[in-house]
PDB file of N, CA and C in Angstrom:
ATOM      1  N   UNK A   1     -10.530  -8.012 -18.360  1.00  0.00           N
ATOM      2  CA  UNK A   1      -9.715  -7.626 -17.221  1.00  0.00           C
ATOM      3  C   UNK A   1      -8.931  -8.857 -16.771  1.00  0.00           C
ATOM      4  N   UNK A   2      -7.656  -8.655 -16.532  1.00  0.00           N
ATOM      5  CA  UNK A   2      -6.798  -9.772 -16.161  1.00  0.00           C
ATOM      6  C   UNK A   2      -7.008 -10.157 -14.692  1.00  0.00           C
ATOM      7  N   UNK A   3      -6.545 -11.342 -14.375  1.00  0.00           N
ATOM      8  CA  UNK A   3      -6.691 -11.854 -13.012  1.00  0.00           C
ATOM      9  C   UNK A   3      -5.902 -10.999 -12.011  1.00  0.00           C
ATOM     10  N   UNK A   4      -4.764 -10.476 -12.450  1.00  0.00           N
ATOM     11  CA  UNK A   4      -3.973  -9.642 -11.539  1.00  0.00           C
ATOM     12  C   UNK A   4      -4.699  -8.341 -11.194  1.00  0.00           C
ATOM     13  N   UNK A   5      -5.396  -7.751 -12.141  1.00  0.00           N
ATOM     14  CA  UNK A   5      -6.157  -6.528 -11.852  1.00  0.00           C
ATOM     15  C   UNK A   5      -7.338  -6.810 -10.937  1.00  0.00           C
ATOM     16  N   UNK A   6      -7.961  -7.952 -11.114  1.00  0.00           N
ATOM     17  CA  UNK A   6      -9.048  -8.344 -10.220  1.00  0.00           C
ATOM     18  C   UNK A   6      -8.506  -8.514  -8.799  1.00  0.00           C
ATOM     19  N   UNK A   7      -7.320  -9.113  -8.673  1.00  0.00           N
ATOM     20  CA  UNK A   7      -6.710  -9.294  -7.351  1.00  0.00           C
ATOM     21  C   UNK A   7      -6.353  -7.947  -6.726  1.00  0.00           C
ATOM     22  N   UNK A   8      -5.833  -7.012  -7.528  1.00  0.00           N
ATOM     23  CA  UNK A   8      -5.499  -5.681  -7.006  1.00  0.00           C
ATOM     24  C   UNK A   8      -6.761  -4.954  -6.552  1.00  0.00           C
ATOM     25  N   UNK A   9      -7.824  -5.030  -7.333  1.00  0.00           N
ATOM     26  CA  UNK A   9      -9.072  -4.383  -6.943  1.00  0.00           C
ATOM     27  C   UNK A   9      -9.652  -5.019  -5.681  1.00  0.00           C
ATOM     28  N   UNK A  10      -9.557  -6.343  -5.568  1.00  0.00           N
ATOM     29  CA  UNK A  10     -10.009  -7.018  -4.350  1.00  0.00           C
ATOM     30  C   UNK A  10      -9.176  -6.560  -3.152  1.00  0.00           C
ATOM     31  N   UNK A  11      -7.852  -6.404  -3.342  1.00  0.00           N
ATOM     32  CA  UNK A  11      -6.974  -5.924  -2.276  1.00  0.00           C
ATOM     33  C   UNK A  11      -7.391  -4.520  -1.844  1.00  0.00           C
ATOM     34  N   UNK A  12      -7.716  -3.662  -2.800  1.00  0.00           N
ATOM     35  CA  UNK A  12      -8.141  -2.303  -2.468  1.00  0.00           C
ATOM     36  C   UNK A  12      -9.445  -2.293  -1.678  1.00  0.00           C
ATOM     37  N   UNK A  13     -10.399  -3.113  -2.078  1.00  0.00           N
ATOM     38  CA  UNK A  13     -11.672  -3.197  -1.359  1.00  0.00           C
ATOM     39  C   UNK A  13     -11.434  -3.745   0.050  1.00  0.00           C
ATOM     40  N   UNK A  14     -10.623  -4.787   0.160  1.00  0.00           N
ATOM     41  CA  UNK A  14     -10.313  -5.368   1.464  1.00  0.00           C
ATOM     42  C   UNK A  14      -9.625  -4.353   2.373  1.00  0.00           C
ATOM     43  N   UNK A  15      -8.693  -3.593   1.829  1.00  0.00           N
ATOM     44  CA  UNK A  15      -7.989  -2.587   2.630  1.00  0.00           C
ATOM     45  C   UNK A  15      -8.947  -1.514   3.127  1.00  0.00           C
ATOM     46  N   UNK A  16      -9.884  -1.112   2.305  1.00  0.00           N
ATOM     47  CA  UNK A  16     -10.850  -0.100   2.734  1.00  0.00           C
ATOM     48  C   UNK A  16     -11.823  -0.647   3.766  1.00  0.00           C
ATOM     49  N   UNK A  17     -12.210  -1.894   3.637  1.00  0.00           N
ATOM     50  CA  UNK A  17     -13.098  -2.505   4.634  1.00  0.00           C
ATOM     51  C   UNK A  17     -12.378  -2.636   5.971  1.00  0.00           C
ATOM     52  N   UNK A  18     -11.107  -3.051   5.941  1.00  0.00           N
ATOM     53  CA  UNK A  18     -10.323  -3.159   7.179  1.00  0.00           C
ATOM     54  C   UNK A  18     -10.197  -1.795   7.848  1.00  0.00           C
ATOM     55  N   UNK A  19     -10.035  -0.747   7.049  1.00  0.00           N
ATOM     56  CA  UNK A  19      -9.881   0.600   7.614  1.00  0.00           C
ATOM     57  C   UNK A  19     -11.151   1.090   8.296  1.00  0.00           C
ATOM     58  N   UNK A  20     -12.301   0.531   7.954  1.00  0.00           N
ATOM     59  CA  UNK A  20     -13.560   0.965   8.555  1.00  0.00           C
ATOM     60  C   UNK A  20     -13.777   0.419   9.960  1.00  0.00           C
ATOM     61  N   UNK A  21     -13.111  -0.684  10.300  1.00  0.00           N
ATOM     62  CA  UNK A  21     -13.296  -1.285  11.618  1.00  0.00           C
ATOM     63  C   UNK A  21     -12.470  -0.534  12.661  1.00  0.00           C
ATOM     64  N   UNK A  22     -13.038  -0.342  13.854  1.00  0.00           N
ATOM     65  CA  UNK A  22     -12.251   0.306  14.910  1.00  0.00           C
ATOM     66  C   UNK A  22     -11.128  -0.619  15.383  1.00  0.00           C
ATOM     67  N   UNK A  23     -10.025  -0.006  15.806  1.00  0.00           N
ATOM     68  CA  UNK A  23      -8.875  -0.785  16.253  1.00  0.00           C
ATOM     69  C   UNK A  23      -8.159  -0.054  17.371  1.00  0.00           C
ATOM     70  N   UNK A  24      -7.750  -0.800  18.394  1.00  0.00           N
ATOM     71  CA  UNK A  24      -6.990  -0.208  19.494  1.00  0.00           C
ATOM     72  C   UNK A  24      -5.518  -0.039  19.126  1.00  0.00           C
ATOM     73  N   UNK A  25      -5.038  -0.807  18.155  1.00  0.00           N
ATOM     74  CA  UNK A  25      -3.627  -0.758  17.756  1.00  0.00           C
ATOM     75  C   UNK A  25      -3.412   0.138  16.535  1.00  0.00           C
ATOM     76  N   UNK A  26      -4.402   0.936  16.173  1.00  0.00           N
ATOM     77  CA  UNK A  26      -4.315   1.850  15.034  1.00  0.00           C
ATOM     78  C   UNK A  26      -4.037   1.138  13.709  1.00  0.00           C
ATOM     79  N   UNK A  27      -4.505  -0.070  13.564  1.00  0.00           N
ATOM     80  CA  UNK A  27      -4.466  -0.826  12.312  1.00  0.00           C
ATOM     81  C   UNK A  27      -3.073  -1.229  11.860  1.00  0.00           C
ATOM     82  N   UNK A  28      -2.058  -1.149  12.694  1.00  0.00           N
ATOM     83  CA  UNK A  28      -0.711  -1.491  12.239  1.00  0.00           C
ATOM     84  C   UNK A  28      -0.551  -2.957  11.870  1.00  0.00           C
ATOM     85  N   UNK A  29      -1.079  -3.930  12.623  1.00  0.00           N
ATOM     86  CA  UNK A  29      -0.941  -5.325  12.178  1.00  0.00           C
ATOM     87  C   UNK A  29      -1.598  -5.566  10.811  1.00  0.00           C
ATOM     88  N   UNK A  30      -2.741  -4.944  10.589  1.00  0.00           N
ATOM     89  CA  UNK A  30      -3.403  -5.087   9.287  1.00  0.00           C
ATOM     90  C   UNK A  30      -2.590  -4.415   8.193  1.00  0.00           C
ATOM     91  N   UNK A  31      -1.964  -3.288   8.502  1.00  0.00           N
ATOM     92  CA  UNK A  31      -1.137  -2.601   7.507  1.00  0.00           C
ATOM     93  C   UNK A  31       0.057  -3.463   7.108  1.00  0.00           C
ATOM     94  N   UNK A  32       0.683  -4.130   8.085  1.00  0.00           N
ATOM     95  CA  UNK A  32       1.810  -5.010   7.762  1.00  0.00           C
ATOM     96  C   UNK A  32       1.363  -6.154   6.847  1.00  0.00           C
ATOM     97  N   UNK A  33       0.211  -6.730   7.132  1.00  0.00           N
ATOM     98  CA  UNK A  33      -0.298  -7.818   6.288  1.00  0.00           C
ATOM     99  C   UNK A  33      -0.654  -7.303   4.890  1.00  0.00           C
ATOM    100  N   UNK A  34      -1.266  -6.134   4.815  1.00  0.00           N
ATOM    101  CA  UNK A  34      -1.616  -5.579   3.507  1.00  0.00           C
ATOM    102  C   UNK A  34      -0.372  -5.257   2.681  1.00  0.00           C
ATOM    103  N   UNK A  35       0.673  -4.787   3.327  1.00  0.00           N
ATOM    104  CA  UNK A  35       1.924  -4.516   2.613  1.00  0.00           C
ATOM    105  C   UNK A  35       2.534  -5.819   2.109  1.00  0.00           C
ATOM    106  N   UNK A  36       2.533  -6.841   2.960  1.00  0.00           N
ATOM    107  CA  UNK A  36       3.118  -8.128   2.574  1.00  0.00           C
ATOM    108  C   UNK A  36       2.368  -8.769   1.407  1.00  0.00           C
ATOM    109  N   UNK A  37       1.077  -8.553   1.334  1.00  0.00           N
ATOM    110  CA  UNK A  37       0.289  -9.095   0.226  1.00  0.00           C
ATOM    111  C   UNK A  37       0.342  -8.166  -0.984  1.00  0.00           C
ATOM    112  N   UNK A  38       0.382  -6.857  -0.737  1.00  0.00           N
ATOM    113  CA  UNK A  38       0.291  -5.883  -1.816  1.00  0.00           C
ATOM    114  C   UNK A  38       1.525  -5.771  -2.690  1.00  0.00           C
ATOM    115  N   UNK A  39       2.701  -5.941  -2.122  1.00  0.00           N
ATOM    116  CA  UNK A  39       3.929  -5.805  -2.913  1.00  0.00           C
ATOM    117  C   UNK A  39       4.008  -6.868  -4.016  1.00  0.00           C
ATOM    118  N   UNK A  40       3.789  -8.155  -3.717  1.00  0.00           N
ATOM    119  CA  UNK A  40       3.788  -9.128  -4.820  1.00  0.00           C
ATOM    120  C   UNK A  40       2.642  -8.892  -5.824  1.00  0.00           C
ATOM    121  N   UNK A  41       1.482  -8.446  -5.325  1.00  0.00           N
ATOM    122  CA  UNK A  41       0.383  -8.129  -6.246  1.00  0.00           C
ATOM    123  C   UNK A  41       0.756  -7.000  -7.190  1.00  0.00           C
ATOM    124  N   UNK A  42       1.458  -6.014  -6.679  1.00  0.00           N
ATOM    125  CA  UNK A  42       1.905  -4.901  -7.505  1.00  0.00           C
ATOM    126  C   UNK A  42       2.867  -5.382  -8.590  1.00  0.00           C
ATOM    127  N   UNK A  43       3.793  -6.241  -8.228  1.00  0.00           N
ATOM    128  CA  UNK A  43       4.713  -6.806  -9.216  1.00  0.00           C
ATOM    129  C   UNK A  43       3.993  -7.634 -10.265  1.00  0.00           C
ATOM    130  N   UNK A  44       3.025  -8.418  -9.829  1.00  0.00           N
ATOM    131  CA  UNK A  44       2.256  -9.253 -10.746  1.00  0.00           C
ATOM    132  C   UNK A  44       1.443  -8.393 -11.720  1.00  0.00           C
ATOM    133  N   UNK A  45       0.793  -7.359 -11.195  1.00  0.00           N
ATOM    134  CA  UNK A  45      -0.003  -6.475 -12.052  1.00  0.00           C
ATOM    135  C   UNK A  45       0.888  -5.736 -13.051  1.00  0.00           C
ATOM    136  N   UNK A  46       2.063  -5.326 -12.615  1.00  0.00           N
ATOM    137  CA  UNK A  46       2.988  -4.639 -13.515  1.00  0.00           C
ATOM    138  C   UNK A  46       3.503  -5.589 -14.580  1.00  0.00           C
ATOM    139  N   UNK A  47       3.801  -6.802 -14.210  1.00  0.00           N
ATOM    140  CA  UNK A  47       4.304  -7.793 -15.158  1.00  0.00           C
ATOM    141  C   UNK A  47       3.258  -8.137 -16.215  1.00  0.00           C
ATOM    142  N   UNK A  48       2.018  -8.314 -15.805  1.00  0.00           N
ATOM    143  CA  UNK A  48       0.962  -8.713 -16.740  1.00  0.00           C
ATOM    144  C   UNK A  48       0.411  -7.562 -17.572  1.00  0.00           C
ATOM    145  N   UNK A  49       0.344  -6.351 -16.999  1.00  0.00           N
ATOM    146  CA  UNK A  49      -0.380  -5.263 -17.647  1.00  0.00           C
ATOM    147  C   UNK A  49       0.478  -4.079 -18.057  1.00  0.00           C
ATOM    148  N   UNK A  50       1.745  -4.079 -17.690  1.00  0.00           N
ATOM    149  CA  UNK A  50       2.627  -3.006 -18.098  1.00  0.00           C
ATOM    150  C   UNK A  50       2.870  -1.990 -17.006  1.00  0.00           C
ATOM    151  N   UNK A  51       3.834  -1.093 -17.267  1.00  0.00           N
ATOM    152  CA  UNK A  51       4.234  -0.146 -16.223  1.00  0.00           C
ATOM    153  C   UNK A  51       3.190   0.925 -15.902  1.00  0.00           C
ATOM    154  N   UNK A  52       2.349   1.295 -16.843  1.00  0.00           N
ATOM    155  CA  UNK A  52       1.340   2.320 -16.563  1.00  0.00           C
ATOM    156  C   UNK A  52       0.324   1.797 -15.550  1.00  0.00           C
ATOM    157  N   UNK A  53      -0.159   0.606 -15.774  1.00  0.00           N
ATOM    158  CA  UNK A  53      -1.105  -0.001 -14.828  1.00  0.00           C
ATOM    159  C   UNK A  53      -0.418  -0.265 -13.497  1.00  0.00           C
ATOM    160  N   UNK A  54       0.853  -0.673 -13.535  1.00  0.00           N
ATOM    161  CA  UNK A  54       1.600  -0.874 -12.293  1.00  0.00           C
ATOM    162  C   UNK A  54       1.738   0.410 -11.504  1.00  0.00           C
ATOM    163  N   UNK A  55       2.013   1.512 -12.194  1.00  0.00           N
ATOM    164  CA  UNK A  55       2.128   2.800 -11.516  1.00  0.00           C
ATOM    165  C   UNK A  55       0.787   3.250 -10.941  1.00  0.00           C
ATOM    166  N   UNK A  56      -0.288   3.044 -11.683  1.00  0.00           N
ATOM    167  CA  UNK A  56      -1.621   3.383 -11.161  1.00  0.00           C
ATOM    168  C   UNK A  56      -1.974   2.531  -9.948  1.00  0.00           C
ATOM    169  N   UNK A  57      -1.590   1.258  -9.986  1.00  0.00           N
ATOM    170  CA  UNK A  57      -1.825   0.386  -8.833  1.00  0.00           C
ATOM    171  C   UNK A  57      -1.000   0.834  -7.632  1.00  0.00           C
ATOM    172  N   UNK A  58       0.232   1.267  -7.882  1.00  0.00           N
ATOM    173  CA  UNK A  58       1.078   1.774  -6.810  1.00  0.00           C
ATOM    174  C   UNK A  58       0.478   3.022  -6.181  1.00  0.00           C
ATOM    175  N   UNK A  59      -0.023   3.929  -6.993  1.00  0.00           N
ATOM    176  CA  UNK A  59      -0.647   5.150  -6.476  1.00  0.00           C
ATOM    177  C   UNK A  59      -1.895   4.821  -5.658  1.00  0.00           C
ATOM    178  N   UNK A  60      -2.699   3.868  -6.153  1.00  0.00           N
ATOM    179  CA  UNK A  60      -3.906   3.475  -5.416  1.00  0.00           C
ATOM    180  C   UNK A  60      -3.540   2.836  -4.076  1.00  0.00           C
ATOM    181  N   UNK A  61      -2.533   1.972  -4.074  1.00  0.00           N
ATOM    182  CA  UNK A  61      -2.101   1.345  -2.825  1.00  0.00           C
ATOM    183  C   UNK A  61      -1.505   2.347  -1.852  1.00  0.00           C
ATOM    184  N   UNK A  62      -0.753   3.317  -2.378  1.00  0.00           N
ATOM    185  CA  UNK A  62      -0.157   4.337  -1.520  1.00  0.00           C
ATOM    186  C   UNK A  62      -1.219   5.243  -0.909  1.00  0.00           C
ATOM    187  N   UNK A  63      -2.313   5.452  -1.618  1.00  0.00           N
ATOM    188  CA  UNK A  63      -3.385   6.275  -1.049  1.00  0.00           C
ATOM    189  C   UNK A  63      -4.077   5.559   0.105  1.00  0.00           C
ATOM    190  N   UNK A  64      -4.128   4.239   0.037  1.00  0.00           N
ATOM    191  CA  UNK A  64      -4.740   3.471   1.124  1.00  0.00           C
ATOM    192  C   UNK A  64      -3.784   3.381   2.316  1.00  0.00           C
ATOM    193  N   UNK A  65      -2.511   3.146   2.038  1.00  0.00           N
ATOM    194  CA  UNK A  65      -1.515   2.960   3.100  1.00  0.00           C
ATOM    195  C   UNK A  65      -0.648   4.208   3.252  1.00  0.00           C
ATOM    196  N   UNK A  66      -1.273   5.363   3.333  1.00  0.00           N
ATOM    197  CA  UNK A  66      -0.496   6.603   3.363  1.00  0.00           C
ATOM    198  C   UNK A  66       0.258   6.796   4.674  1.00  0.00           C
ATOM    199  N   UNK A  67      -0.289   6.373   5.815  1.00  0.00           N
ATOM    200  CA  UNK A  67       0.409   6.595   7.077  1.00  0.00           C
ATOM    201  C   UNK A  67       1.682   5.768   7.200  1.00  0.00           C
ATOM    202  N   UNK A  68       1.704   4.503   6.798  1.00  0.00           N
ATOM    203  CA  UNK A  68       2.998   3.816   6.806  1.00  0.00           C
ATOM    204  C   UNK A  68       4.024   4.495   5.898  1.00  0.00           C
ATOM    205  N   UNK A  69       3.585   5.058   4.788  1.00  0.00           N
ATOM    206  CA  UNK A  69       4.517   5.773   3.911  1.00  0.00           C
ATOM    207  C   UNK A  69       5.001   7.075   4.545  1.00  0.00           C
ATOM    208  N   UNK A  70       4.129   7.764   5.243  1.00  0.00           N
ATOM    209  CA  UNK A  70       4.539   9.002   5.922  1.00  0.00           C
ATOM    210  C   UNK A  70       5.563   8.688   7.007  1.00  0.00           C
ATOM    211  N   UNK A  71       5.319   7.631   7.793  1.00  0.00           N
ATOM    212  CA  UNK A  71       6.275   7.260   8.830  1.00  0.00           C
ATOM    213  C   UNK A  71       7.593   6.778   8.236  1.00  0.00           C
ATOM    214  N   UNK A  72       7.537   6.070   7.109  1.00  0.00           N
ATOM    215  CA  UNK A  72       8.760   5.651   6.434  1.00  0.00           C
ATOM    216  C   UNK A  72       9.553   6.865   5.946  1.00  0.00           C
ATOM    217  N   UNK A  73       8.877   7.838   5.374  1.00  0.00           N
ATOM    218  CA  UNK A  73       9.524   9.054   4.906  1.00  0.00           C
ATOM    219  C   UNK A  73      10.190   9.811   6.063  1.00  0.00           C
ATOM    220  N   UNK A  74       9.491   9.922   7.179  1.00  0.00           N
ATOM    221  CA  UNK A  74      10.059  10.600   8.350  1.00  0.00           C
ATOM    222  C   UNK A  74      11.272   9.855   8.889  1.00  0.00           C
ATOM    223  N   UNK A  75      11.197   8.521   8.907  1.00  0.00           N
ATOM    224  CA  UNK A  75      12.299   7.711   9.399  1.00  0.00           C
ATOM    225  C   UNK A  75      13.520   7.857   8.492  1.00  0.00           C
ATOM    226  N   UNK A  76      13.298   7.883   7.182  1.00  0.00           N
ATOM    227  CA  UNK A  76      14.409   8.052   6.247  1.00  0.00           C
ATOM    228  C   UNK A  76      15.038   9.439   6.378  1.00  0.00           C
ATOM    229  N   UNK A  77      14.218  10.460   6.549  1.00  0.00           N
ATOM    230  CA  UNK A  77      14.752  11.816   6.716  1.00  0.00           C
ATOM    231  C   UNK A  77      15.528  11.949   8.012  1.00  0.00           C
ATOM    232  N   UNK A  78      15.039  11.324   9.066  1.00  0.00           N
ATOM    233  CA  UNK A  78      15.707  11.378  10.354  1.00  0.00           C
ATOM    234  C   UNK A  78      17.067  10.659  10.273  1.00  0.00           C
ATOM    235  N   UNK A  79      17.122   9.594   9.503  1.00  0.00           N
ATOM    236  CA  UNK A  79      18.361   8.845   9.344  1.00  0.00           C
ATOM    237  C   UNK A  79      19.435   9.641   8.614  1.00  0.00           C
ATOM    238  N   UNK A  80      19.025  10.572   7.770  1.00  0.00           N
ATOM    239  CA  UNK A  80      19.980  11.403   7.031  1.00  0.00           C
ATOM    240  C   UNK A  80      20.342  12.665   7.801  1.00  0.00           C
ATOM    241  N   UNK A  81      19.789  12.857   8.974  1.00  0.00           N
ATOM    242  CA  UNK A  81      20.132  14.008   9.794  1.00  0.00           C
ATOM    243  C   UNK A  81      19.272  15.236   9.544  1.00  0.00           C
ATOM    244  N   UNK A  82      18.201  15.100   8.763  1.00  0.00           N
ATOM    245  CA  UNK A  82      17.326  16.221   8.516  1.00  0.00           C
ATOM    246  C   UNK A  82      16.215  16.230   9.550  1.00  0.00           C
ATOM    247  N   UNK A  83      15.670  17.391   9.797  1.00  0.00           N
ATOM    248  CA  UNK A  83      14.576  17.526  10.766  1.00  0.00           C
ATOM    249  C   UNK A  83      13.254  17.640  10.049  1.00  0.00           C
ATOM    250  N   UNK A  84      12.194  17.175  10.707  1.00  0.00           N
ATOM    251  CA  UNK A  84      10.838  17.338  10.162  1.00  0.00           C
ATOM    252  C   UNK A  84      10.417  18.776  10.241  1.00  0.00           C
ATOM    253  N   UNK A  85       9.639  19.169   9.253  1.00  0.00           N
ATOM    254  CA  UNK A  85       9.151  20.562   9.223  1.00  0.00           C
ATOM    255  C   UNK A  85       7.924  20.713  10.066  1.00  0.00           C
TER     256      UNK A  85
END
């Protein structure tokens, strides 16, 4: 297993541990930090292991950070003039 995959797996474990702690701010500061660390890790894993592993890493990261993605999707739809269902 390459070092980049070990780092991605460590990121996933860290993200799940952070999600277990209670937070008054709904974990947004932690989500911003995880995104800032996760994007370069995703690029590194894709570069070292190929696009299939990169895509699997992206899916795993998106499952952990699903609420920031949902809010991003809503914001993009609102910007185009569409309404939420």
